[in-house]
N, C-alpha and C. Protein backbone atom coordinates (compact mmCIF):
# COMPACT_ATOMS: atom_id res chain seq x y z
N MET A 1 0.85 -1.18 0.00
CA MET A 1 0.00 0.00 0.00
C MET A 1 0.88 1.23 0.00
N ARG A 2 0.52 2.20 -0.80
CA ARG A 2 1.26 3.45 -0.84
C ARG A 2 0.67 4.43 0.14
N ALA A 3 1.48 5.39 0.52
CA ALA A 3 1.02 6.40 1.47
C ALA A 3 -0.11 7.23 0.87
N ALA A 4 -1.01 7.61 1.73
CA ALA A 4 -2.11 8.48 1.30
C ALA A 4 -1.57 9.88 1.04
N ARG A 5 -2.20 10.55 0.13
CA ARG A 5 -1.84 11.93 -0.20
C ARG A 5 -2.95 12.84 0.29
N GLN A 6 -2.58 13.94 0.93
CA GLN A 6 -3.55 14.90 1.44
C GLN A 6 -3.65 16.05 0.45
N ASN A 7 -4.86 16.43 0.11
CA ASN A 7 -5.09 17.57 -0.77
C ASN A 7 -6.17 18.44 -0.19
N ASP A 8 -6.08 19.72 -0.45
CA ASP A 8 -7.09 20.69 -0.02
C ASP A 8 -7.65 21.38 -1.25
N TRP A 9 -8.97 21.50 -1.29
CA TRP A 9 -9.63 22.24 -2.36
C TRP A 9 -10.59 23.21 -1.71
N GLY A 10 -10.33 24.50 -1.86
CA GLY A 10 -11.22 25.49 -1.29
C GLY A 10 -12.39 25.74 -2.22
N VAL A 11 -13.59 25.72 -1.68
CA VAL A 11 -14.78 25.97 -2.50
C VAL A 11 -15.39 27.32 -2.16
N GLY A 12 -14.76 28.04 -1.22
CA GLY A 12 -15.39 29.23 -0.71
C GLY A 12 -15.48 30.38 -1.67
N ALA A 13 -14.37 30.93 -2.09
CA ALA A 13 -14.41 32.16 -2.85
C ALA A 13 -14.39 31.91 -4.35
N ASP A 14 -13.35 31.27 -4.83
CA ASP A 14 -13.24 31.11 -6.28
C ASP A 14 -12.59 29.79 -6.66
N GLY A 15 -12.65 28.80 -5.79
CA GLY A 15 -12.02 27.53 -6.06
C GLY A 15 -10.54 27.53 -5.73
N ASP A 16 -9.99 28.69 -5.38
CA ASP A 16 -8.58 28.80 -5.06
C ASP A 16 -8.37 29.21 -3.61
N HIS A 17 -9.43 29.62 -2.95
CA HIS A 17 -9.36 30.06 -1.57
C HIS A 17 -10.41 29.31 -0.75
N ALA A 18 -10.15 29.22 0.54
CA ALA A 18 -11.09 28.50 1.39
C ALA A 18 -12.04 29.45 2.11
N GLU A 19 -11.80 30.75 2.05
CA GLU A 19 -12.63 31.69 2.80
C GLU A 19 -13.69 32.33 1.92
N LEU A 20 -14.81 32.66 2.55
CA LEU A 20 -15.87 33.35 1.85
C LEU A 20 -16.59 34.27 2.82
N ASP A 21 -17.35 35.19 2.27
CA ASP A 21 -18.17 36.09 3.07
C ASP A 21 -19.57 35.51 3.21
N ILE A 22 -20.11 35.57 4.41
CA ILE A 22 -21.50 35.21 4.63
C ILE A 22 -22.30 36.51 4.54
N LEU A 23 -23.22 36.55 3.59
CA LEU A 23 -24.04 37.74 3.38
C LEU A 23 -25.31 37.61 4.22
N LYS A 24 -25.56 38.60 5.03
CA LYS A 24 -26.72 38.57 5.93
C LYS A 24 -28.02 38.52 5.14
N CYS A 25 -28.91 37.66 5.59
CA CYS A 25 -30.24 37.55 4.97
C CYS A 25 -31.02 38.84 5.17
N PRO A 26 -31.96 39.13 4.29
CA PRO A 26 -32.81 40.32 4.48
C PRO A 26 -33.57 40.25 5.81
N ALA A 27 -33.79 41.40 6.39
CA ALA A 27 -34.54 41.48 7.65
C ALA A 27 -35.88 40.77 7.52
N GLY A 28 -36.23 40.01 8.56
CA GLY A 28 -37.50 39.31 8.58
C GLY A 28 -37.46 37.91 7.99
N THR A 29 -36.31 37.50 7.42
CA THR A 29 -36.21 36.14 6.88
C THR A 29 -36.19 35.15 8.03
N PRO A 30 -37.07 34.14 8.02
CA PRO A 30 -37.04 33.12 9.09
C PRO A 30 -35.68 32.41 9.10
N THR A 31 -35.16 32.13 10.29
CA THR A 31 -33.85 31.50 10.44
C THR A 31 -33.75 30.22 9.61
N ALA A 32 -34.79 29.40 9.59
CA ALA A 32 -34.75 28.13 8.84
C ALA A 32 -34.57 28.35 7.34
N GLN A 33 -34.88 29.54 6.84
CA GLN A 33 -34.75 29.83 5.42
C GLN A 33 -33.53 30.71 5.13
N CYS A 34 -32.76 30.99 6.15
CA CYS A 34 -31.63 31.91 6.04
C CYS A 34 -30.33 31.12 5.88
N THR A 35 -30.19 30.48 4.73
CA THR A 35 -29.03 29.64 4.46
C THR A 35 -28.32 30.13 3.20
N GLN A 36 -27.01 30.15 3.26
CA GLN A 36 -26.19 30.50 2.10
C GLN A 36 -25.37 29.28 1.72
N THR A 37 -25.26 29.01 0.43
CA THR A 37 -24.43 27.89 -0.02
C THR A 37 -23.28 28.41 -0.87
N ALA A 38 -22.20 27.65 -0.87
CA ALA A 38 -21.06 27.88 -1.75
C ALA A 38 -20.67 26.51 -2.27
N ASP A 39 -20.27 26.42 -3.52
CA ASP A 39 -19.86 25.12 -4.04
C ASP A 39 -18.73 25.27 -5.04
N GLY A 40 -18.10 24.16 -5.31
CA GLY A 40 -17.01 24.11 -6.27
C GLY A 40 -16.81 22.68 -6.72
N THR A 41 -16.12 22.51 -7.84
CA THR A 41 -15.83 21.18 -8.35
C THR A 41 -14.33 21.01 -8.53
N TRP A 42 -13.90 19.77 -8.53
CA TRP A 42 -12.51 19.43 -8.81
C TRP A 42 -12.45 18.03 -9.38
N VAL A 43 -11.39 17.74 -10.08
CA VAL A 43 -11.17 16.42 -10.66
C VAL A 43 -9.84 15.90 -10.13
N PRO A 44 -9.86 14.80 -9.36
CA PRO A 44 -8.60 14.23 -8.88
C PRO A 44 -7.73 13.81 -10.07
N VAL A 45 -6.45 14.05 -9.97
CA VAL A 45 -5.51 13.72 -11.04
C VAL A 45 -4.74 12.47 -10.64
N ALA A 46 -4.77 11.48 -11.51
CA ALA A 46 -4.06 10.22 -11.26
C ALA A 46 -2.79 10.20 -12.11
N ALA A 47 -1.63 10.20 -11.46
CA ALA A 47 -0.36 10.15 -12.17
C ALA A 47 -0.13 8.75 -12.71
N GLY A 48 0.21 8.66 -13.98
CA GLY A 48 0.54 7.36 -14.56
C GLY A 48 -0.66 6.46 -14.76
N GLY A 49 -1.85 6.96 -14.64
CA GLY A 49 -3.04 6.14 -14.87
C GLY A 49 -3.36 5.15 -13.77
N GLU A 50 -2.68 5.23 -12.63
CA GLU A 50 -2.98 4.31 -11.53
C GLU A 50 -4.35 4.62 -10.93
N PRO A 51 -5.02 3.59 -10.40
CA PRO A 51 -6.29 3.84 -9.70
C PRO A 51 -6.04 4.71 -8.46
N VAL A 52 -6.92 5.67 -8.25
CA VAL A 52 -6.84 6.55 -7.09
C VAL A 52 -8.17 6.44 -6.35
N HIS A 53 -8.10 6.14 -5.05
CA HIS A 53 -9.30 5.97 -4.23
C HIS A 53 -9.30 7.00 -3.11
N MET A 54 -10.49 7.46 -2.72
CA MET A 54 -10.63 8.37 -1.59
C MET A 54 -10.78 7.52 -0.32
N ILE A 55 -9.95 7.81 0.67
CA ILE A 55 -10.01 7.04 1.91
C ILE A 55 -10.48 7.89 3.10
N LYS A 56 -10.44 9.24 2.96
CA LYS A 56 -10.90 10.10 4.05
C LYS A 56 -11.34 11.43 3.47
N ALA A 57 -12.43 11.96 4.01
CA ALA A 57 -12.86 13.33 3.72
C ALA A 57 -13.19 13.99 5.05
N HIS A 58 -12.59 15.14 5.27
CA HIS A 58 -12.86 15.91 6.48
C HIS A 58 -13.07 17.34 6.05
N PHE A 59 -14.20 17.91 6.42
CA PHE A 59 -14.51 19.27 6.01
C PHE A 59 -14.22 20.24 7.14
N HIS A 60 -13.67 21.37 6.76
CA HIS A 60 -13.33 22.41 7.74
C HIS A 60 -14.22 23.62 7.49
N CYS A 61 -14.97 24.00 8.51
CA CYS A 61 -15.76 25.22 8.46
C CYS A 61 -15.90 25.72 9.90
N HIS A 62 -16.39 26.94 10.07
CA HIS A 62 -16.37 27.58 11.38
C HIS A 62 -17.74 27.73 12.01
N ALA A 63 -17.76 27.59 13.35
CA ALA A 63 -18.94 27.95 14.13
C ALA A 63 -18.97 29.47 14.20
N PRO A 64 -20.10 30.10 14.28
CA PRO A 64 -21.42 29.52 14.40
C PRO A 64 -22.16 29.40 13.07
N ALA A 65 -21.53 29.76 11.95
CA ALA A 65 -22.25 29.78 10.68
C ALA A 65 -22.39 28.39 10.05
N CYS A 66 -21.39 27.54 10.19
CA CYS A 66 -21.39 26.26 9.47
C CYS A 66 -22.56 25.37 9.90
N ILE A 67 -23.29 24.89 8.93
CA ILE A 67 -24.38 23.94 9.19
C ILE A 67 -23.90 22.54 8.81
N HIS A 68 -23.51 22.38 7.54
CA HIS A 68 -22.95 21.11 7.09
C HIS A 68 -22.28 21.28 5.74
N MET A 69 -21.56 20.23 5.32
CA MET A 69 -20.94 20.20 4.00
C MET A 69 -21.21 18.85 3.37
N GLU A 70 -21.24 18.85 2.03
CA GLU A 70 -21.52 17.62 1.28
C GLU A 70 -20.53 17.48 0.13
N MET A 71 -20.26 16.23 -0.24
CA MET A 71 -19.43 15.92 -1.39
C MET A 71 -20.20 14.97 -2.29
N TRP A 72 -20.29 15.31 -3.58
CA TRP A 72 -21.08 14.55 -4.55
C TRP A 72 -20.22 14.10 -5.72
N ASN A 73 -20.54 12.93 -6.28
CA ASN A 73 -20.01 12.52 -7.57
C ASN A 73 -20.83 13.30 -8.59
N ASN A 74 -20.24 14.31 -9.19
CA ASN A 74 -20.97 15.19 -10.09
C ASN A 74 -21.34 14.47 -11.40
N ASN A 75 -20.65 13.36 -11.71
CA ASN A 75 -20.95 12.60 -12.92
C ASN A 75 -22.25 11.80 -12.77
N THR A 76 -22.50 11.28 -11.56
CA THR A 76 -23.65 10.39 -11.35
C THR A 76 -24.73 10.99 -10.45
N GLY A 77 -24.38 12.03 -9.70
CA GLY A 77 -25.32 12.60 -8.74
C GLY A 77 -25.35 11.86 -7.41
N LYS A 78 -24.42 10.92 -7.20
CA LYS A 78 -24.39 10.16 -5.95
C LYS A 78 -23.71 10.96 -4.83
N LEU A 79 -24.35 10.98 -3.67
CA LEU A 79 -23.76 11.60 -2.49
C LEU A 79 -22.63 10.71 -1.99
N LEU A 80 -21.43 11.27 -1.87
CA LEU A 80 -20.27 10.53 -1.37
C LEU A 80 -20.09 10.71 0.13
N CYS A 81 -20.38 11.91 0.63
CA CYS A 81 -20.11 12.21 2.04
C CYS A 81 -20.94 13.42 2.46
N ARG A 82 -21.52 13.35 3.64
CA ARG A 82 -22.21 14.49 4.25
C ARG A 82 -21.74 14.57 5.70
N GLU A 83 -21.21 15.72 6.06
CA GLU A 83 -20.77 15.94 7.44
C GLU A 83 -21.63 17.02 8.07
N LEU A 84 -22.33 16.64 9.14
CA LEU A 84 -23.19 17.56 9.88
C LEU A 84 -22.42 18.11 11.06
N GLY A 85 -22.46 19.42 11.23
CA GLY A 85 -21.76 20.04 12.35
C GLY A 85 -22.40 19.69 13.68
N LEU A 86 -21.57 19.27 14.63
CA LEU A 86 -22.02 19.02 16.01
C LEU A 86 -21.49 20.16 16.86
N TYR A 87 -22.39 20.91 17.46
CA TYR A 87 -21.98 22.07 18.22
C TYR A 87 -21.72 21.73 19.67
N GLY A 88 -20.62 22.27 20.20
CA GLY A 88 -20.27 22.09 21.60
C GLY A 88 -21.30 22.73 22.50
N GLY A 89 -21.46 22.15 23.69
CA GLY A 89 -22.43 22.67 24.65
C GLY A 89 -23.83 22.15 24.43
N THR A 90 -24.01 21.27 23.44
CA THR A 90 -25.34 20.73 23.13
C THR A 90 -25.50 19.30 23.63
N HIS A 91 -24.44 18.75 24.23
CA HIS A 91 -24.42 17.39 24.76
C HIS A 91 -24.60 16.34 23.66
N ARG A 92 -24.22 16.69 22.42
CA ARG A 92 -24.27 15.74 21.31
C ARG A 92 -22.89 15.17 21.00
N ILE A 93 -21.85 15.67 21.70
CA ILE A 93 -20.48 15.19 21.50
C ILE A 93 -20.16 14.29 22.67
N ASP A 94 -19.80 13.05 22.37
CA ASP A 94 -19.60 12.04 23.42
C ASP A 94 -18.49 12.41 24.41
N ASP A 95 -17.37 12.90 23.93
CA ASP A 95 -16.25 13.21 24.80
C ASP A 95 -16.45 14.61 25.39
N LYS A 96 -16.72 14.68 26.68
CA LYS A 96 -17.05 15.94 27.35
C LYS A 96 -15.96 16.99 27.22
N ARG A 97 -14.69 16.55 27.01
CA ARG A 97 -13.60 17.51 26.85
C ARG A 97 -13.80 18.37 25.61
N PHE A 98 -14.56 17.86 24.64
CA PHE A 98 -14.74 18.57 23.38
C PHE A 98 -16.16 19.11 23.21
N ASP A 99 -16.95 19.04 24.26
CA ASP A 99 -18.33 19.53 24.22
C ASP A 99 -18.38 20.95 24.79
N GLU A 100 -17.53 21.81 24.24
CA GLU A 100 -17.39 23.16 24.75
C GLU A 100 -18.23 24.14 23.93
N PRO A 101 -19.04 24.96 24.59
CA PRO A 101 -19.86 25.93 23.85
C PRO A 101 -19.02 26.81 22.93
N GLY A 102 -19.55 27.09 21.75
CA GLY A 102 -18.87 27.96 20.80
C GLY A 102 -17.99 27.22 19.81
N TYR A 103 -17.85 25.91 19.97
CA TYR A 103 -17.01 25.13 19.05
C TYR A 103 -17.87 24.16 18.25
N ILE A 104 -17.30 23.71 17.13
CA ILE A 104 -18.00 22.78 16.25
C ILE A 104 -17.10 21.59 15.96
N ALA A 105 -17.69 20.40 15.94
CA ALA A 105 -16.98 19.18 15.53
C ALA A 105 -17.59 18.72 14.21
N MET A 106 -16.73 18.30 13.29
CA MET A 106 -17.17 17.79 11.99
C MET A 106 -16.64 16.36 11.86
N PRO A 107 -17.42 15.35 12.27
CA PRO A 107 -16.96 13.97 12.15
C PRO A 107 -16.65 13.62 10.69
N PRO A 108 -15.50 13.00 10.41
CA PRO A 108 -15.09 12.73 9.03
C PRO A 108 -15.83 11.56 8.39
N CYS A 109 -15.73 11.50 7.08
CA CYS A 109 -16.19 10.33 6.32
C CYS A 109 -14.95 9.47 6.05
N LEU A 110 -15.06 8.19 6.33
CA LEU A 110 -13.94 7.27 6.17
C LEU A 110 -14.34 6.08 5.31
N TRP A 111 -13.41 5.60 4.49
CA TRP A 111 -13.61 4.40 3.68
C TRP A 111 -12.45 3.46 3.94
N GLY A 112 -12.67 2.19 3.69
CA GLY A 112 -11.61 1.21 3.91
C GLY A 112 -12.10 -0.18 3.62
N SER A 113 -11.65 -1.12 4.41
CA SER A 113 -11.98 -2.52 4.18
C SER A 113 -13.38 -2.85 4.71
N PRO A 114 -14.20 -3.51 3.90
CA PRO A 114 -15.49 -3.99 4.40
C PRO A 114 -15.32 -4.93 5.61
N ARG A 115 -14.15 -5.60 5.71
CA ARG A 115 -13.88 -6.46 6.88
C ARG A 115 -13.93 -5.66 8.18
N ASP A 116 -13.62 -4.37 8.07
CA ASP A 116 -13.63 -3.49 9.23
C ASP A 116 -14.94 -2.72 9.38
N GLY A 117 -15.93 -3.10 8.58
CA GLY A 117 -17.23 -2.45 8.65
C GLY A 117 -17.31 -1.14 7.88
N LEU A 118 -16.36 -0.89 7.00
CA LEU A 118 -16.34 0.33 6.22
C LEU A 118 -16.77 0.07 4.78
N GLU A 119 -17.28 1.09 4.15
CA GLU A 119 -17.59 1.02 2.72
C GLU A 119 -16.27 1.08 1.96
N ALA A 120 -16.15 0.31 0.88
CA ALA A 120 -14.93 0.33 0.06
C ALA A 120 -14.71 1.74 -0.48
N PRO A 121 -13.45 2.19 -0.54
CA PRO A 121 -13.15 3.54 -1.02
C PRO A 121 -13.60 3.75 -2.46
N PRO A 122 -14.23 4.90 -2.74
CA PRO A 122 -14.66 5.16 -4.10
C PRO A 122 -13.47 5.42 -5.03
N LEU A 123 -13.56 4.88 -6.24
CA LEU A 123 -12.57 5.12 -7.28
C LEU A 123 -12.77 6.53 -7.79
N MET A 124 -11.73 7.33 -7.77
CA MET A 124 -11.85 8.74 -8.11
C MET A 124 -11.46 9.06 -9.55
N ASN A 125 -10.79 8.13 -10.23
CA ASN A 125 -10.33 8.38 -11.60
C ASN A 125 -11.49 8.79 -12.49
N GLY A 126 -11.35 9.92 -13.15
CA GLY A 126 -12.36 10.38 -14.09
C GLY A 126 -13.59 11.01 -13.45
N MET A 127 -13.63 11.07 -12.13
CA MET A 127 -14.80 11.62 -11.44
C MET A 127 -14.65 13.13 -11.27
N THR A 128 -15.70 13.87 -11.54
CA THR A 128 -15.77 15.28 -11.17
C THR A 128 -16.50 15.32 -9.83
N VAL A 129 -15.85 15.91 -8.84
CA VAL A 129 -16.38 15.96 -7.49
C VAL A 129 -16.93 17.36 -7.23
N ARG A 130 -18.11 17.42 -6.66
CA ARG A 130 -18.72 18.69 -6.28
C ARG A 130 -18.83 18.75 -4.76
N VAL A 131 -18.34 19.83 -4.17
CA VAL A 131 -18.41 20.05 -2.74
C VAL A 131 -19.32 21.25 -2.49
N VAL A 132 -20.25 21.09 -1.53
CA VAL A 132 -21.20 22.16 -1.21
C VAL A 132 -21.13 22.47 0.28
N HIS A 133 -21.06 23.73 0.59
CA HIS A 133 -21.01 24.23 1.97
C HIS A 133 -22.32 24.94 2.26
N PHE A 134 -22.94 24.63 3.39
CA PHE A 134 -24.20 25.25 3.81
C PHE A 134 -23.93 26.05 5.09
N ALA A 135 -24.30 27.33 5.07
CA ALA A 135 -24.04 28.19 6.22
C ALA A 135 -25.30 28.94 6.64
N ASN A 136 -25.42 29.17 7.94
CA ASN A 136 -26.48 30.01 8.49
C ASN A 136 -26.09 31.46 8.19
N ALA A 137 -26.97 32.18 7.51
CA ALA A 137 -26.69 33.56 7.12
C ALA A 137 -27.52 34.57 7.92
N THR A 138 -27.90 34.19 9.15
CA THR A 138 -28.65 35.10 10.00
C THR A 138 -27.81 36.35 10.30
N HIS A 139 -26.51 36.16 10.49
CA HIS A 139 -25.58 37.27 10.75
C HIS A 139 -24.51 37.24 9.68
N GLY A 140 -24.29 38.35 9.02
CA GLY A 140 -23.24 38.42 8.02
C GLY A 140 -21.88 38.56 8.65
N HIS A 141 -20.85 37.99 8.02
CA HIS A 141 -19.47 38.15 8.49
C HIS A 141 -18.49 37.70 7.41
N HIS A 142 -17.24 38.09 7.59
CA HIS A 142 -16.16 37.70 6.69
C HIS A 142 -15.43 36.50 7.28
N GLY A 143 -14.73 35.75 6.45
CA GLY A 143 -13.81 34.72 6.92
C GLY A 143 -14.41 33.37 7.24
N GLU A 144 -15.61 33.06 6.76
CA GLU A 144 -16.13 31.69 6.92
C GLU A 144 -15.26 30.78 6.06
N MET A 145 -15.09 29.56 6.50
CA MET A 145 -14.26 28.59 5.78
C MET A 145 -15.14 27.55 5.09
N ALA A 146 -14.66 27.07 3.96
CA ALA A 146 -15.31 25.97 3.24
C ALA A 146 -14.19 25.16 2.61
N LEU A 147 -13.56 24.32 3.43
CA LEU A 147 -12.34 23.65 2.99
C LEU A 147 -12.45 22.14 3.19
N PRO A 148 -12.59 21.38 2.12
CA PRO A 148 -12.53 19.93 2.25
C PRO A 148 -11.08 19.46 2.26
N GLU A 149 -10.75 18.63 3.22
CA GLU A 149 -9.42 18.02 3.31
C GLU A 149 -9.59 16.54 2.97
N ILE A 150 -8.96 16.12 1.89
CA ILE A 150 -9.19 14.80 1.32
C ILE A 150 -7.90 13.99 1.34
N SER A 151 -7.99 12.72 1.69
CA SER A 151 -6.85 11.81 1.58
C SER A 151 -7.16 10.79 0.50
N LEU A 152 -6.22 10.65 -0.42
CA LEU A 152 -6.34 9.71 -1.53
C LEU A 152 -5.24 8.66 -1.42
N ALA A 153 -5.53 7.45 -1.89
CA ALA A 153 -4.53 6.38 -1.93
C ALA A 153 -4.45 5.86 -3.36
N LYS A 154 -3.23 5.65 -3.85
CA LYS A 154 -3.03 5.11 -5.19
C LYS A 154 -2.74 3.62 -5.11
N GLY A 155 -3.21 2.89 -6.12
CA GLY A 155 -2.90 1.47 -6.21
C GLY A 155 -4.16 0.61 -6.18
N THR A 156 -3.95 -0.68 -6.28
CA THR A 156 -5.06 -1.65 -6.26
C THR A 156 -4.85 -2.64 -5.12
N GLY A 157 -5.90 -3.36 -4.79
CA GLY A 157 -5.80 -4.39 -3.76
C GLY A 157 -5.53 -3.88 -2.37
N LEU A 158 -5.93 -2.64 -2.12
CA LEU A 158 -5.65 -2.03 -0.82
C LEU A 158 -6.61 -2.46 0.26
N TRP A 159 -7.78 -2.98 -0.11
CA TRP A 159 -8.79 -3.31 0.88
C TRP A 159 -9.34 -4.67 0.60
C-alpha cells in the first residue's frame, strides 16, 4: 500500500481560496430559510493512470455559521459524504472535553476494508467531485471557511 496523499480544495471564494463572506439575509427572513451555499468542483488527477481511491474526507468550516458540508459525484449525482456540524455545549459530543460551547466538531467520512465495517473507497479516476457548503446567514461576516481536506490512496488491492 502506498502512502495516502492529502489535498485541499477550497470551495469558498473562487475555487482557489477557502474563505468566503457570509451575506446577511434580508430582515425578517425566518432562520430556517436563512441559508447561504457555496460550491465548487474538482477532478482528482491520477499520475501514470494508476487507480486513485478516496479514503478520508474531512470538512473544515467555522462555528457559528457552518451547518454542514456535502461531497457529490458530479458525474452520477451520488452523495459521497455528508458531514453535519455538532456544536459544543449541546451534549451531542460524546467526549465531554470537546463539548465546549462555541465550538463545532465535523466527524469525518472514512472508507476502507469492508472487513472493518467500512464502505470500500470510491474510485476517483475520471470523477468530477462537487463540494457544497451550507451556512447560516442570520448574521453576516467575513472569513467563513469551506475547505474539504481529502486523503487519496493510489494502487489496487488495498482493501
